[in-house]
Structure formats: C-alpha cells, structure tokens
Amino acid sequence: MVRPAPISPKFRANVAGYSAESARYWLGSSARWGAVTGLTALFILSQVPTIKSSILQKTPVLGWYWKVEEEAK
C-alpha cells in the first residue's frame, strides 16, 4: 500500500509573482489613490473653461455651482 506524502505541495496560481490575495490588496489601495488623485486634479483644473463646461457643469448634484450666467451686453 502506497501512503501519500505527509507534506503535499500546494499550488497557487500567480502572475509575475503576484497571487490573487496580493492583487486584491493592491487593487483596493490603487483605486483609493487614483480616486484622490483624480479629484485633486479636477479641483486644481476647475478654472479651465474646457474642464468646467465639459465635466463639472454636467455633474448631476453639484453642476449648478459651476454654471456661469452670461452677462447681457
């Protein structure tokens, strides 16, 4: 009778040395950093007319804040 080895190898799939657990950890962290970076860039660029008209004025809840009333001549 052949007995199985007391220590059997455990195979873990990885890509370029990253396992699914480490990828899940880094994905969450990267998403948070990306969101903060994007919001900071929008805040800094909020006075650029193209950004203001194409992105900020079309925001559903706060779009009214960036709408500019044109002066009548």
N, C-alpha and C. Protein backbone atom coordinates (compact mmCIF):
# COMPACT_ATOMS: atom_id res chain seq x y z
N MET A 1 0.84 -1.17 0.00
CA MET A 1 0.00 0.00 0.00
C MET A 1 0.89 1.25 0.00
N VAL A 2 0.55 2.19 -0.89
CA VAL A 2 1.34 3.41 -1.03
C VAL A 2 0.67 4.50 -0.19
N ARG A 3 1.44 5.06 0.67
CA ARG A 3 0.93 6.14 1.52
C ARG A 3 1.25 7.49 0.87
N PRO A 4 0.30 8.42 0.98
CA PRO A 4 0.59 9.75 0.44
C PRO A 4 1.66 10.43 1.29
N ALA A 5 2.37 11.33 0.68
CA ALA A 5 3.41 12.05 1.39
C ALA A 5 2.77 12.90 2.49
N PRO A 6 3.39 13.00 3.65
CA PRO A 6 2.80 13.78 4.73
C PRO A 6 2.71 15.27 4.39
N ILE A 7 3.59 15.74 3.56
CA ILE A 7 3.55 17.14 3.15
C ILE A 7 3.35 17.15 1.64
N SER A 8 2.21 17.60 1.21
CA SER A 8 1.93 17.65 -0.21
C SER A 8 2.07 19.09 -0.70
N PRO A 9 2.51 19.26 -1.91
CA PRO A 9 2.67 20.64 -2.41
C PRO A 9 1.32 21.30 -2.63
N LYS A 10 1.29 22.59 -2.35
CA LYS A 10 0.08 23.38 -2.59
C LYS A 10 0.39 24.33 -3.73
N PHE A 11 -0.40 24.24 -4.76
CA PHE A 11 -0.17 25.07 -5.93
C PHE A 11 -1.00 26.34 -5.81
N ARG A 12 -0.35 27.46 -6.02
CA ARG A 12 -1.04 28.74 -6.01
C ARG A 12 -0.75 29.43 -7.33
N ALA A 13 -1.79 29.80 -8.00
CA ALA A 13 -1.62 30.49 -9.29
C ALA A 13 -1.14 31.91 -9.03
N ASN A 14 -0.15 32.34 -9.80
CA ASN A 14 0.30 33.72 -9.71
C ASN A 14 0.74 34.19 -11.08
N VAL A 15 0.70 35.50 -11.22
CA VAL A 15 1.14 36.13 -12.46
C VAL A 15 2.22 37.13 -12.08
N ALA A 16 3.39 36.93 -12.63
CA ALA A 16 4.54 37.79 -12.37
C ALA A 16 4.84 37.88 -10.87
N GLY A 17 4.57 36.82 -10.14
CA GLY A 17 4.88 36.78 -8.72
C GLY A 17 3.78 37.31 -7.82
N TYR A 18 2.66 37.77 -8.37
CA TYR A 18 1.56 38.28 -7.56
C TYR A 18 0.45 37.25 -7.49
N SER A 19 0.04 36.93 -6.29
CA SER A 19 -1.07 35.99 -6.12
C SER A 19 -2.38 36.77 -6.13
N ALA A 20 -3.48 36.06 -6.10
CA ALA A 20 -4.79 36.72 -6.10
C ALA A 20 -4.99 37.54 -4.83
N GLU A 21 -4.47 37.07 -3.70
CA GLU A 21 -4.64 37.81 -2.45
C GLU A 21 -3.87 39.13 -2.48
N SER A 22 -2.64 39.10 -2.96
CA SER A 22 -1.87 40.34 -3.01
C SER A 22 -2.43 41.29 -4.07
N ALA A 23 -2.93 40.75 -5.17
CA ALA A 23 -3.53 41.60 -6.20
C ALA A 23 -4.78 42.29 -5.66
N ARG A 24 -5.57 41.59 -4.87
CA ARG A 24 -6.78 42.18 -4.28
C ARG A 24 -6.39 43.31 -3.33
N TYR A 25 -5.34 43.12 -2.55
CA TYR A 25 -4.89 44.17 -1.63
C TYR A 25 -4.42 45.40 -2.40
N TRP A 26 -3.57 45.21 -3.40
CA TRP A 26 -3.03 46.33 -4.15
C TRP A 26 -4.08 47.00 -5.02
N LEU A 27 -5.07 46.27 -5.50
CA LEU A 27 -6.13 46.85 -6.31
C LEU A 27 -6.96 47.85 -5.50
N GLY A 28 -7.30 47.49 -4.28
CA GLY A 28 -8.05 48.40 -3.42
C GLY A 28 -7.27 49.66 -3.10
N SER A 29 -6.00 49.48 -2.78
CA SER A 29 -5.15 50.63 -2.46
C SER A 29 -4.98 51.53 -3.69
N SER A 30 -4.77 50.93 -4.85
CA SER A 30 -4.60 51.71 -6.08
C SER A 30 -5.87 52.46 -6.44
N ALA A 31 -7.01 51.86 -6.22
CA ALA A 31 -8.28 52.53 -6.52
C ALA A 31 -8.46 53.76 -5.64
N ARG A 32 -8.12 53.66 -4.36
CA ARG A 32 -8.25 54.80 -3.47
C ARG A 32 -7.30 55.93 -3.86
N TRP A 33 -6.05 55.60 -4.13
CA TRP A 33 -5.08 56.61 -4.55
C TRP A 33 -5.50 57.25 -5.87
N GLY A 34 -6.02 56.47 -6.80
CA GLY A 34 -6.46 57.01 -8.08
C GLY A 34 -7.63 57.96 -7.94
N ALA A 35 -8.57 57.62 -7.06
CA ALA A 35 -9.73 58.49 -6.85
C ALA A 35 -9.30 59.82 -6.23
N VAL A 36 -8.43 59.77 -5.26
CA VAL A 36 -7.96 61.01 -4.62
C VAL A 36 -7.17 61.85 -5.62
N THR A 37 -6.34 61.22 -6.42
CA THR A 37 -5.56 61.95 -7.43
C THR A 37 -6.47 62.60 -8.46
N GLY A 38 -7.48 61.87 -8.92
CA GLY A 38 -8.41 62.41 -9.90
C GLY A 38 -9.21 63.59 -9.37
N LEU A 39 -9.70 63.48 -8.14
CA LEU A 39 -10.46 64.58 -7.54
C LEU A 39 -9.57 65.80 -7.32
N THR A 40 -8.33 65.57 -6.93
CA THR A 40 -7.40 66.69 -6.76
C THR A 40 -7.13 67.38 -8.09
N ALA A 41 -6.94 66.61 -9.15
CA ALA A 41 -6.71 67.20 -10.47
C ALA A 41 -7.93 68.01 -10.92
N LEU A 42 -9.13 67.50 -10.68
CA LEU A 42 -10.34 68.26 -11.04
C LEU A 42 -10.43 69.56 -10.25
N PHE A 43 -10.09 69.50 -8.98
CA PHE A 43 -10.13 70.71 -8.15
C PHE A 43 -9.14 71.75 -8.65
N ILE A 44 -7.92 71.31 -8.98
CA ILE A 44 -6.90 72.24 -9.45
C ILE A 44 -7.26 72.81 -10.82
N LEU A 45 -7.82 71.98 -11.70
CA LEU A 45 -8.15 72.41 -13.06
C LEU A 45 -9.57 72.94 -13.20
N SER A 46 -10.25 73.23 -12.10
CA SER A 46 -11.65 73.64 -12.18
C SER A 46 -11.85 75.00 -12.83
N GLN A 47 -10.81 75.81 -12.95
CA GLN A 47 -10.95 77.12 -13.59
C GLN A 47 -10.67 77.10 -15.08
N VAL A 48 -10.27 75.96 -15.62
CA VAL A 48 -10.04 75.84 -17.06
C VAL A 48 -11.41 75.72 -17.74
N PRO A 49 -11.71 76.58 -18.72
CA PRO A 49 -13.05 76.60 -19.31
C PRO A 49 -13.50 75.26 -19.90
N THR A 50 -12.60 74.53 -20.53
CA THR A 50 -12.99 73.25 -21.13
C THR A 50 -13.39 72.24 -20.05
N ILE A 51 -12.64 72.17 -18.98
CA ILE A 51 -12.96 71.27 -17.88
C ILE A 51 -14.28 71.69 -17.24
N LYS A 52 -14.45 72.99 -17.07
CA LYS A 52 -15.66 73.49 -16.42
C LYS A 52 -16.91 73.16 -17.23
N SER A 53 -16.83 73.37 -18.55
CA SER A 53 -18.05 73.18 -19.36
C SER A 53 -18.30 71.71 -19.70
N SER A 54 -17.26 70.92 -19.90
CA SER A 54 -17.49 69.54 -20.34
C SER A 54 -17.63 68.55 -19.20
N ILE A 55 -17.07 68.83 -18.04
CA ILE A 55 -17.12 67.86 -16.94
C ILE A 55 -17.92 68.39 -15.75
N LEU A 56 -17.49 69.52 -15.22
CA LEU A 56 -18.03 69.97 -13.94
C LEU A 56 -19.49 70.45 -14.03
N GLN A 57 -19.87 71.12 -15.12
CA GLN A 57 -21.25 71.58 -15.24
C GLN A 57 -22.22 70.43 -15.47
N LYS A 58 -21.73 69.28 -15.90
CA LYS A 58 -22.60 68.13 -16.15
C LYS A 58 -22.69 67.18 -14.97
N THR A 59 -22.08 67.55 -13.85
CA THR A 59 -22.17 66.74 -12.64
C THR A 59 -23.60 66.80 -12.12
N PRO A 60 -24.24 65.65 -11.85
CA PRO A 60 -25.66 65.65 -11.51
C PRO A 60 -26.05 66.48 -10.29
N VAL A 61 -25.32 66.42 -9.20
CA VAL A 61 -25.76 67.08 -7.98
C VAL A 61 -25.19 68.48 -7.84
N LEU A 62 -23.93 68.66 -8.16
CA LEU A 62 -23.26 69.94 -7.94
C LEU A 62 -22.98 70.74 -9.20
N GLY A 63 -23.57 70.39 -10.31
CA GLY A 63 -23.32 71.08 -11.56
C GLY A 63 -23.72 72.53 -11.56
N TRP A 64 -24.72 72.88 -10.78
CA TRP A 64 -25.19 74.27 -10.73
C TRP A 64 -24.11 75.19 -10.20
N TYR A 65 -23.20 74.71 -9.40
CA TYR A 65 -22.16 75.54 -8.80
C TYR A 65 -21.22 76.13 -9.85
N TRP A 66 -20.96 75.39 -10.92
CA TRP A 66 -20.02 75.83 -11.94
C TRP A 66 -20.69 76.50 -13.13
N LYS A 67 -21.99 76.60 -13.16
CA LYS A 67 -22.66 77.28 -14.27
C LYS A 67 -22.49 78.77 -14.12
N VAL A 68 -22.08 79.40 -15.21
CA VAL A 68 -21.83 80.84 -15.20
C VAL A 68 -22.91 81.52 -16.01
N GLU A 69 -23.51 82.54 -15.41
CA GLU A 69 -24.51 83.32 -16.11
C GLU A 69 -23.78 84.30 -17.03
N GLU A 70 -24.14 84.30 -18.30
CA GLU A 70 -23.51 85.23 -19.23
C GLU A 70 -24.10 86.62 -19.03
N GLU A 71 -23.22 87.59 -19.07
CA GLU A 71 -23.67 88.97 -18.87
C GLU A 71 -24.34 89.49 -20.14
N ALA A 72 -25.44 90.18 -19.99
CA ALA A 72 -26.14 90.77 -21.14
C ALA A 72 -25.42 92.05 -21.53
N LYS A 73 -25.19 92.21 -22.83
CA LYS A 73 -24.48 93.42 -23.28
C LYS A 73 -25.46 94.43 -23.81
